[in-house]
Amino acid sequence: MAEAPYKQVYRVLLTAIRERKLLPGVILPGELCLAESYHVSRPTVRRALQMLASEGFMECRAGVGWSVVSSDPSPRTSRRRELVIGTDLVADDWEGAFYYRPFLRGMRHAVEERRCRLQLIRLDPGKGITPGPVDALALVRYGPQEYSRLAQIASSGVPVILLNRMPPQPELAYLAVDYREESRRAVEYLLLTGHRRIAVISENATSLACADRVSGWRAAFQQIHLEAPEELNVQDISIAGLERFLVQARPTALFLASGRCVVPALLAAERARMRIPEDLSFFSFDDTGAARLADIMISCIKMPLETMAEQAVDYLCRRCDGPANQPVLRKILSATLAINDSCRRREGGTA
């Protein structure tokens, strides 16, 4: 029987590493470039790279890519049984499914080569983790009200990592995106392209995530010594309300604090007879949820959700295999500004 393509790519790369043709520190070309070189698909290349990472030969870092870390890694502790990683990744509404799907895809890719499996869990204040038991937890849905309980679980010997959350408890690991900084970068781009009347649209004034993103909007103006136009800070995603705002305020660009804001803002712009991007540039924090329903491409901040999930599983496996050698992981990943024709440079812009 012919060897699977991913194993062929794995063996070619492994040979190059062991023969020191690829030295530690070398950064490999991107996955698409490697896929073209080996005449395979990108998922095939990724699976081969993940096998090498699971054996300690390589690692993947956000903003850098895949790199060689060792030509002769120390053997990993062998396990007597399969690790069980508990996760809360389940979408109870159609919109949440867009957000959680990349996380789940990344976790599934990671567990394939690591002798572990995912187990859906629920945190019950009275009963603990149900169903259980689990060896580790990778969580997305739980927020500040559960952090103390999760810290107790981590202290009991069950490693816990949260995705896109930054709990203050030192027992809890996390991988996250800095919402404020990424929002600042996006609005900075709009400012560099000549926009000054940049409105920020958010759906929930009490949401910590929205508050961080609005804070990033303010920070971008402050960075160039301008007062943020607070009259353009809107917490309303009703179509009628946004239409009135656009007609009266006439912003030249919208920074949408979440994907939920995209469709109402597009419909409101159409009713206000504002063309995109001629009259109004659009930039969304993410491309999840209702943003996927838009019939045009929207410039956005793309969070590395799949990479985040893969790194979470890798961390939990290493933590379970050798807890004494693995400090609690607390890491901020960089997002990508995906800019397209929904943004237009105004006269005087430099970007």
Protein backbone atom coordinates (compact mmCIF):
# COMPACT_ATOMS: atom_id res chain seq x y z
CA MET A 1 0.00 0.00 0.00
CA ALA A 2 1.35 3.44 -0.94
CA GLU A 3 2.41 5.65 1.93
CA ALA A 4 0.03 8.50 2.77
CA PRO A 5 1.13 11.86 1.26
CA TYR A 6 1.46 13.57 4.64
CA LYS A 7 3.82 10.83 5.82
CA GLN A 8 5.93 11.27 2.69
CA VAL A 9 6.26 15.01 3.35
CA TYR A 10 6.98 14.26 7.02
CA ARG A 11 9.80 11.88 6.14
CA VAL A 12 11.39 14.28 3.64
CA LEU A 13 11.42 17.11 6.17
CA LEU A 14 12.54 14.84 9.01
CA THR A 15 15.48 13.61 6.94
CA ALA A 16 16.49 17.18 6.11
CA ILE A 17 16.36 18.14 9.79
CA ARG A 18 18.28 15.10 11.02
CA GLU A 19 20.93 15.54 8.31
CA ARG A 20 21.12 19.21 9.38
CA LYS A 21 20.16 20.50 5.97
CA LEU A 22 17.50 22.40 7.92
CA LEU A 23 19.18 23.79 11.02
CA PRO A 24 17.49 24.93 14.27
CA GLY A 25 16.27 28.49 13.83
CA VAL A 26 15.50 28.10 10.13
CA ILE A 27 12.06 29.44 9.21
CA LEU A 28 10.30 27.39 6.55
CA PRO A 29 8.36 28.86 3.63
CA GLY A 30 4.61 29.23 4.17
CA GLU A 31 2.30 26.23 4.09
CA LEU A 32 0.95 27.13 0.64
CA CYS A 33 4.48 27.41 -0.77
CA LEU A 34 5.44 24.05 0.75
CA ALA A 35 2.27 22.49 -0.60
CA GLU A 36 3.16 23.64 -4.11
CA SER A 37 6.74 22.39 -3.74
CA TYR A 38 5.63 18.90 -2.69
CA HIS A 39 2.58 18.83 -5.00
CA VAL A 40 0.17 18.18 -2.13
CA SER A 41 -2.61 20.09 -0.42
CA ARG A 42 -2.08 22.58 2.38
CA PRO A 43 -3.83 20.35 4.99
CA THR A 44 -1.43 17.55 4.01
CA VAL A 45 1.58 19.81 4.63
CA ARG A 46 0.12 21.03 7.90
CA ARG A 47 -0.43 17.50 9.14
CA ALA A 48 3.20 16.63 8.39
CA LEU A 49 4.41 19.77 10.18
CA GLN A 50 2.22 19.00 13.18
CA MET A 51 3.74 15.53 13.42
CA LEU A 52 7.21 17.08 13.48
CA ALA A 53 6.05 19.60 16.10
CA SER A 54 4.58 16.85 18.27
CA GLU A 55 7.99 15.15 18.25
CA GLY A 56 9.84 18.33 19.18
CA PHE A 57 11.52 19.07 15.84
CA MET A 58 9.48 22.15 14.88
CA GLU A 59 7.19 24.84 16.22
CA CYS A 60 4.72 27.32 14.78
CA ARG A 61 4.67 30.91 16.06
CA ALA A 62 2.07 33.52 15.15
CA GLY A 63 3.47 36.11 12.78
CA VAL A 64 6.55 33.98 12.10
CA GLY A 65 5.40 30.61 10.82
CA TRP A 66 6.96 27.17 11.07
CA SER A 67 10.57 26.93 12.21
CA VAL A 68 13.02 24.20 13.20
CA VAL A 69 13.72 24.06 16.94
CA SER A 70 15.88 20.95 17.27
CA SER A 71 17.74 18.40 15.16
CA ASP A 72 17.65 15.85 17.96
CA PRO A 73 14.90 16.61 20.50
CA SER A 74 14.73 14.78 23.77
CA PRO A 75 12.24 11.93 23.63
CA ARG A 76 8.85 12.85 25.00
CA THR A 77 7.41 11.02 27.91
CA SER A 78 5.45 8.03 26.68
CA ARG A 79 1.92 7.79 27.94
CA ARG A 80 0.24 4.71 29.19
CA ARG A 81 -3.14 5.90 28.05
CA GLU A 82 -4.88 8.42 25.85
CA LEU A 83 -5.18 11.95 27.22
CA VAL A 84 -8.69 13.37 27.50
CA ILE A 85 -8.94 17.10 26.85
CA GLY A 86 -12.19 18.66 27.97
CA THR A 87 -13.60 21.52 25.92
CA ASP A 88 -16.71 23.70 25.96
CA LEU A 89 -16.68 24.14 22.19
CA VAL A 90 -20.31 23.82 21.25
CA ALA A 91 -22.39 26.46 19.48
CA ASP A 92 -25.94 26.91 20.72
CA ASP A 93 -26.80 29.42 17.99
CA TRP A 94 -25.98 29.72 14.30
CA GLU A 95 -23.91 32.86 14.76
CA GLY A 96 -21.71 31.34 17.45
CA ALA A 97 -20.96 28.43 15.12
CA PHE A 98 -18.95 30.73 12.84
CA TYR A 99 -16.75 31.76 15.77
CA TYR A 100 -16.28 28.33 17.34
CA ARG A 101 -15.71 26.34 14.14
CA PRO A 102 -12.06 27.45 13.62
CA PHE A 103 -11.28 26.61 17.25
CA LEU A 104 -12.74 23.15 16.89
CA ARG A 105 -11.00 22.59 13.56
CA GLY A 106 -7.65 23.53 15.10
CA MET A 107 -8.17 21.24 18.10
CA ARG A 108 -9.14 18.32 15.90
CA HIS A 109 -6.05 18.78 13.75
CA ALA A 110 -3.86 18.88 16.86
CA VAL A 111 -5.27 15.82 18.64
CA GLU A 112 -4.89 13.58 15.58
CA GLU A 113 -1.15 13.09 16.13
CA ARG A 114 -0.93 13.47 19.90
CA ARG A 115 -2.70 10.41 21.30
CA CYS A 116 -5.48 12.39 22.90
CA ARG A 117 -9.15 13.05 22.31
CA LEU A 118 -11.65 15.82 22.93
CA GLN A 119 -14.46 15.51 25.43
CA LEU A 120 -17.33 18.00 25.63
CA ILE A 121 -17.71 19.21 29.23
CA ARG A 122 -19.82 21.54 31.30
CA LEU A 123 -18.65 23.33 34.43
CA ASP A 124 -21.23 22.87 37.18
CA PRO A 125 -20.59 24.91 40.36
CA GLY A 126 -22.08 22.15 42.50
CA LYS A 127 -20.81 19.05 40.72
CA GLY A 128 -17.54 20.22 39.19
CA ILE A 129 -16.79 19.12 35.63
CA THR A 130 -19.50 17.11 33.89
CA PRO A 131 -19.06 14.78 32.17
CA GLY A 132 -15.62 13.83 33.41
CA PRO A 133 -13.00 13.08 34.41
CA VAL A 134 -10.59 14.85 32.07
CA ASP A 135 -6.82 15.33 32.05
CA ALA A 136 -6.85 18.95 30.89
CA LEU A 137 -9.22 21.73 29.84
CA ALA A 138 -9.21 24.00 26.74
CA LEU A 139 -12.04 26.51 27.15
CA VAL A 140 -13.54 29.27 25.03
CA ARG A 141 -16.95 30.11 26.44
CA TYR A 142 -16.26 30.61 30.15
CA GLY A 143 -15.79 34.16 31.41
CA PRO A 144 -14.66 36.07 34.53
CA GLN A 145 -17.41 34.69 36.77
CA GLU A 146 -15.88 31.20 36.42
CA TYR A 147 -12.19 32.14 36.68
CA SER A 148 -11.88 31.45 40.42
CA ARG A 149 -13.45 28.00 40.04
CA LEU A 150 -11.17 27.23 37.08
CA ALA A 151 -8.13 28.35 39.06
CA GLN A 152 -9.07 25.84 41.77
CA ILE A 153 -9.29 23.10 39.13
CA ALA A 154 -5.87 24.06 37.77
CA SER A 155 -4.40 24.04 41.29
CA SER A 156 -5.73 20.50 41.75
CA GLY A 157 -3.51 19.26 38.91
CA VAL A 158 -5.76 19.58 35.83
CA PRO A 159 -4.10 22.07 33.44
CA VAL A 160 -6.50 24.75 32.17
CA ILE A 161 -6.02 27.05 29.19
CA LEU A 162 -8.50 29.68 28.01
CA LEU A 163 -8.71 30.89 24.43
CA ASN A 164 -9.24 34.58 23.70
CA ARG A 165 -9.58 35.24 27.41
CA MET A 166 -6.91 36.75 29.69
CA PRO A 167 -7.71 35.67 33.25
CA PRO A 168 -5.63 37.35 35.98
CA GLN A 169 -5.26 34.15 38.03
CA PRO A 170 -1.65 32.90 37.61
CA GLU A 171 -2.79 29.26 37.65
CA LEU A 172 -4.69 29.72 34.39
CA ALA A 173 -2.95 29.58 31.02
CA TYR A 174 -4.21 31.54 28.05
CA LEU A 175 -3.71 32.24 24.37
CA ALA A 176 -5.38 35.44 23.26
CA VAL A 177 -5.51 38.37 20.90
CA ASP A 178 -5.12 41.87 22.36
CA TYR A 179 -8.44 43.39 21.28
CA ARG A 180 -7.40 46.94 22.12
CA GLU A 181 -4.09 46.80 20.25
CA GLU A 182 -5.50 45.13 17.15
CA SER A 183 -8.33 47.68 17.03
CA ARG A 184 -5.80 50.49 17.36
CA ARG A 185 -3.87 49.08 14.39
CA ALA A 186 -7.00 48.89 12.22
CA VAL A 187 -8.09 52.45 13.00
CA GLU A 188 -4.50 53.62 12.54
CA TYR A 189 -4.68 52.27 8.99
CA LEU A 190 -7.84 54.29 8.33
CA LEU A 191 -6.17 57.41 9.74
CA LEU A 192 -3.11 56.87 7.56
CA THR A 193 -5.34 56.62 4.49
CA GLY A 194 -6.70 60.10 5.16
CA HIS A 195 -9.85 59.43 7.21
CA ARG A 196 -10.63 61.55 10.24
CA ARG A 197 -14.37 61.07 10.67
CA ILE A 198 -14.08 57.42 11.66
CA ALA A 199 -17.11 56.13 13.52
CA VAL A 200 -16.96 53.14 15.83
CA ILE A 201 -20.08 50.96 15.96
CA SER A 202 -20.55 48.50 18.82
CA GLU A 203 -23.49 46.35 19.81
CA ASN A 204 -23.20 46.22 23.58
CA ALA A 205 -21.96 49.01 25.81
CA THR A 206 -21.41 46.57 28.72
CA SER A 207 -19.37 44.03 26.75
CA LEU A 208 -15.72 43.90 27.86
CA ALA A 209 -14.67 42.87 24.34
CA CYS A 210 -16.50 45.83 22.77
CA ALA A 211 -15.08 48.17 25.42
CA ASP A 212 -11.53 47.06 24.57
CA ARG A 213 -12.15 47.62 20.86
CA VAL A 214 -13.63 51.06 21.40
CA SER A 215 -10.62 51.85 23.59
CA GLY A 216 -8.37 50.87 20.67
CA TRP A 217 -10.33 53.27 18.43
CA ARG A 218 -9.61 56.09 20.88
CA ALA A 219 -5.95 55.09 21.21
CA ALA A 220 -5.39 55.39 17.45
CA PHE A 221 -6.51 59.03 17.50
CA GLN A 222 -4.51 59.79 20.63
CA GLN A 223 -1.42 58.34 18.99
CA ILE A 224 -1.46 61.15 16.40
CA HIS A 225 -2.42 63.74 19.02
CA LEU A 226 -6.05 64.06 18.00
CA GLU A 227 -9.14 63.93 20.17
CA ALA A 228 -11.28 60.91 19.37
CA PRO A 229 -14.62 62.11 17.92
CA GLU A 230 -16.88 60.79 20.68
CA GLU A 231 -19.95 61.93 18.74
CA LEU A 232 -19.07 59.12 16.32
CA ASN A 233 -19.04 56.45 19.07
CA VAL A 234 -22.33 54.60 18.53
CA GLN A 235 -23.80 51.72 20.57
CA ASP A 236 -26.71 50.93 18.29
CA ILE A 237 -26.93 48.32 15.55
CA SER A 238 -30.56 48.81 14.60
CA ILE A 239 -30.82 49.52 10.90
CA ALA A 240 -33.06 52.56 11.40
CA GLY A 241 -30.80 53.97 14.11
CA LEU A 242 -27.66 53.54 12.02
CA GLU A 243 -29.36 55.07 8.98
CA ARG A 244 -30.22 58.21 10.96
CA PHE A 245 -26.67 58.38 12.29
CA LEU A 246 -25.10 58.06 8.84
CA VAL A 247 -27.37 60.72 7.32
CA GLN A 248 -26.76 63.18 10.15
CA ALA A 249 -23.09 62.57 11.04
CA ARG A 250 -21.72 61.68 7.56
CA PRO A 251 -18.65 59.70 8.71
CA THR A 252 -16.19 58.70 6.00
CA ALA A 253 -15.32 55.34 7.58
CA LEU A 254 -16.85 52.82 9.97
CA PHE A 255 -14.90 50.66 12.39
CA LEU A 256 -17.28 47.86 13.38
CA ALA A 257 -16.44 46.39 16.79
CA SER A 258 -17.82 42.95 15.94
CA GLY A 259 -19.08 40.89 13.04
CA ARG A 260 -22.64 41.33 14.29
CA CYS A 261 -22.49 44.98 13.25
CA VAL A 262 -21.63 44.32 9.60
CA VAL A 263 -25.00 43.47 8.05
CA PRO A 264 -27.01 46.21 9.85
CA ALA A 265 -24.33 48.76 8.90
CA LEU A 266 -24.38 47.67 5.25
CA LEU A 267 -28.18 47.90 5.08
CA ALA A 268 -28.15 51.27 6.80
CA ALA A 269 -25.52 52.56 4.36
CA GLU A 270 -27.67 51.42 1.45
CA ARG A 271 -30.73 53.20 2.86
CA ALA A 272 -28.65 56.34 3.46
CA ARG A 273 -27.50 56.15 -0.19
CA MET A 274 -23.84 55.94 0.82
CA ARG A 275 -21.67 53.92 -1.53
CA ILE A 276 -18.88 51.60 -0.37
CA PRO A 277 -16.07 52.56 -0.49
CA GLU A 278 -16.65 55.80 -2.46
CA ASP A 279 -18.62 57.45 0.37
CA LEU A 280 -17.94 55.15 3.28
CA SER A 281 -15.04 52.79 4.06
CA PHE A 282 -15.78 49.67 6.10
CA PHE A 283 -13.47 47.88 8.55
CA SER A 284 -14.74 45.11 10.84
CA PHE A 285 -12.95 43.69 13.87
CA ASP A 286 -13.54 40.15 12.66
CA ASP A 287 -15.11 38.13 9.88
CA THR A 288 -17.11 35.73 12.05
CA GLY A 289 -20.82 35.49 12.70
CA ALA A 290 -23.14 37.66 10.67
CA ALA A 291 -20.19 39.24 8.85
CA ARG A 292 -20.09 36.05 6.76
CA LEU A 293 -23.54 36.87 5.41
CA ALA A 294 -22.41 40.06 3.71
CA ASP A 295 -22.45 39.92 -0.08
CA ILE A 296 -19.23 41.93 -0.35
CA MET A 297 -15.81 41.37 1.15
CA ILE A 298 -15.20 43.53 4.22
CA SER A 299 -11.74 44.55 5.41
CA CYS A 300 -11.28 42.96 8.80
CA ILE A 301 -9.03 41.89 11.65
CA LYS A 302 -8.57 38.14 11.22
CA MET A 303 -7.85 36.43 14.51
CA PRO A 304 -5.65 33.29 14.41
CA LEU A 305 -8.35 31.14 16.01
CA GLU A 306 -7.28 27.82 14.45
CA THR A 307 -3.62 28.38 15.32
CA MET A 308 -4.65 29.36 18.83
CA ALA A 309 -6.51 26.07 19.30
CA GLU A 310 -3.64 23.99 17.91
CA GLN A 311 -1.16 25.64 20.25
CA ALA A 312 -3.53 25.12 23.18
CA VAL A 313 -3.68 21.36 22.61
CA ASP A 314 0.10 21.20 22.20
CA TYR A 315 0.60 23.09 25.47
CA LEU A 316 -1.83 20.86 27.38
CA CYS A 317 -0.13 17.71 26.10
CA ARG A 318 3.29 19.00 27.13
CA ARG A 319 1.92 20.11 30.48
CA CYS A 320 0.40 16.67 31.14
CA ASP A 321 3.52 14.80 29.96
CA GLY A 322 5.99 16.85 32.01
CA PRO A 323 4.32 19.39 34.32
CA ALA A 324 7.54 20.23 36.14
CA ASN A 325 9.18 21.39 32.90
CA GLN A 326 6.27 23.41 31.51
CA PRO A 327 5.47 26.84 32.97
CA VAL A 328 1.92 28.16 32.71
CA LEU A 329 1.53 29.55 29.19
CA ARG A 330 0.26 33.15 28.96
CA LYS A 331 0.73 34.35 25.39
CA ILE A 332 -0.65 37.09 23.15
CA LEU A 333 -0.90 36.22 19.45
CA SER A 334 -0.89 38.73 16.61
CA ALA A 335 -3.89 39.07 14.31
CA THR A 336 -3.78 39.94 10.60
CA LEU A 337 -5.22 43.05 8.97
CA ALA A 338 -7.05 41.71 5.91
CA ILE A 339 -7.56 44.83 3.81
CA ASN A 340 -9.53 44.87 0.57
CA ASP A 341 -11.63 47.19 -1.58
CA SER A 342 -14.07 48.07 1.22
CA CYS A 343 -11.54 50.72 2.29
CA ARG A 344 -10.57 53.68 0.17
CA ARG A 345 -7.74 56.17 0.56
CA ARG A 346 -8.82 59.77 0.87
CA GLU A 347 -6.90 62.77 -0.38
CA GLY A 348 -3.89 63.36 1.85
CA GLY A 349 -3.64 59.73 2.97
CA THR A 350 -0.18 58.16 3.05
CA ALA A 351 -0.93 54.41 3.34
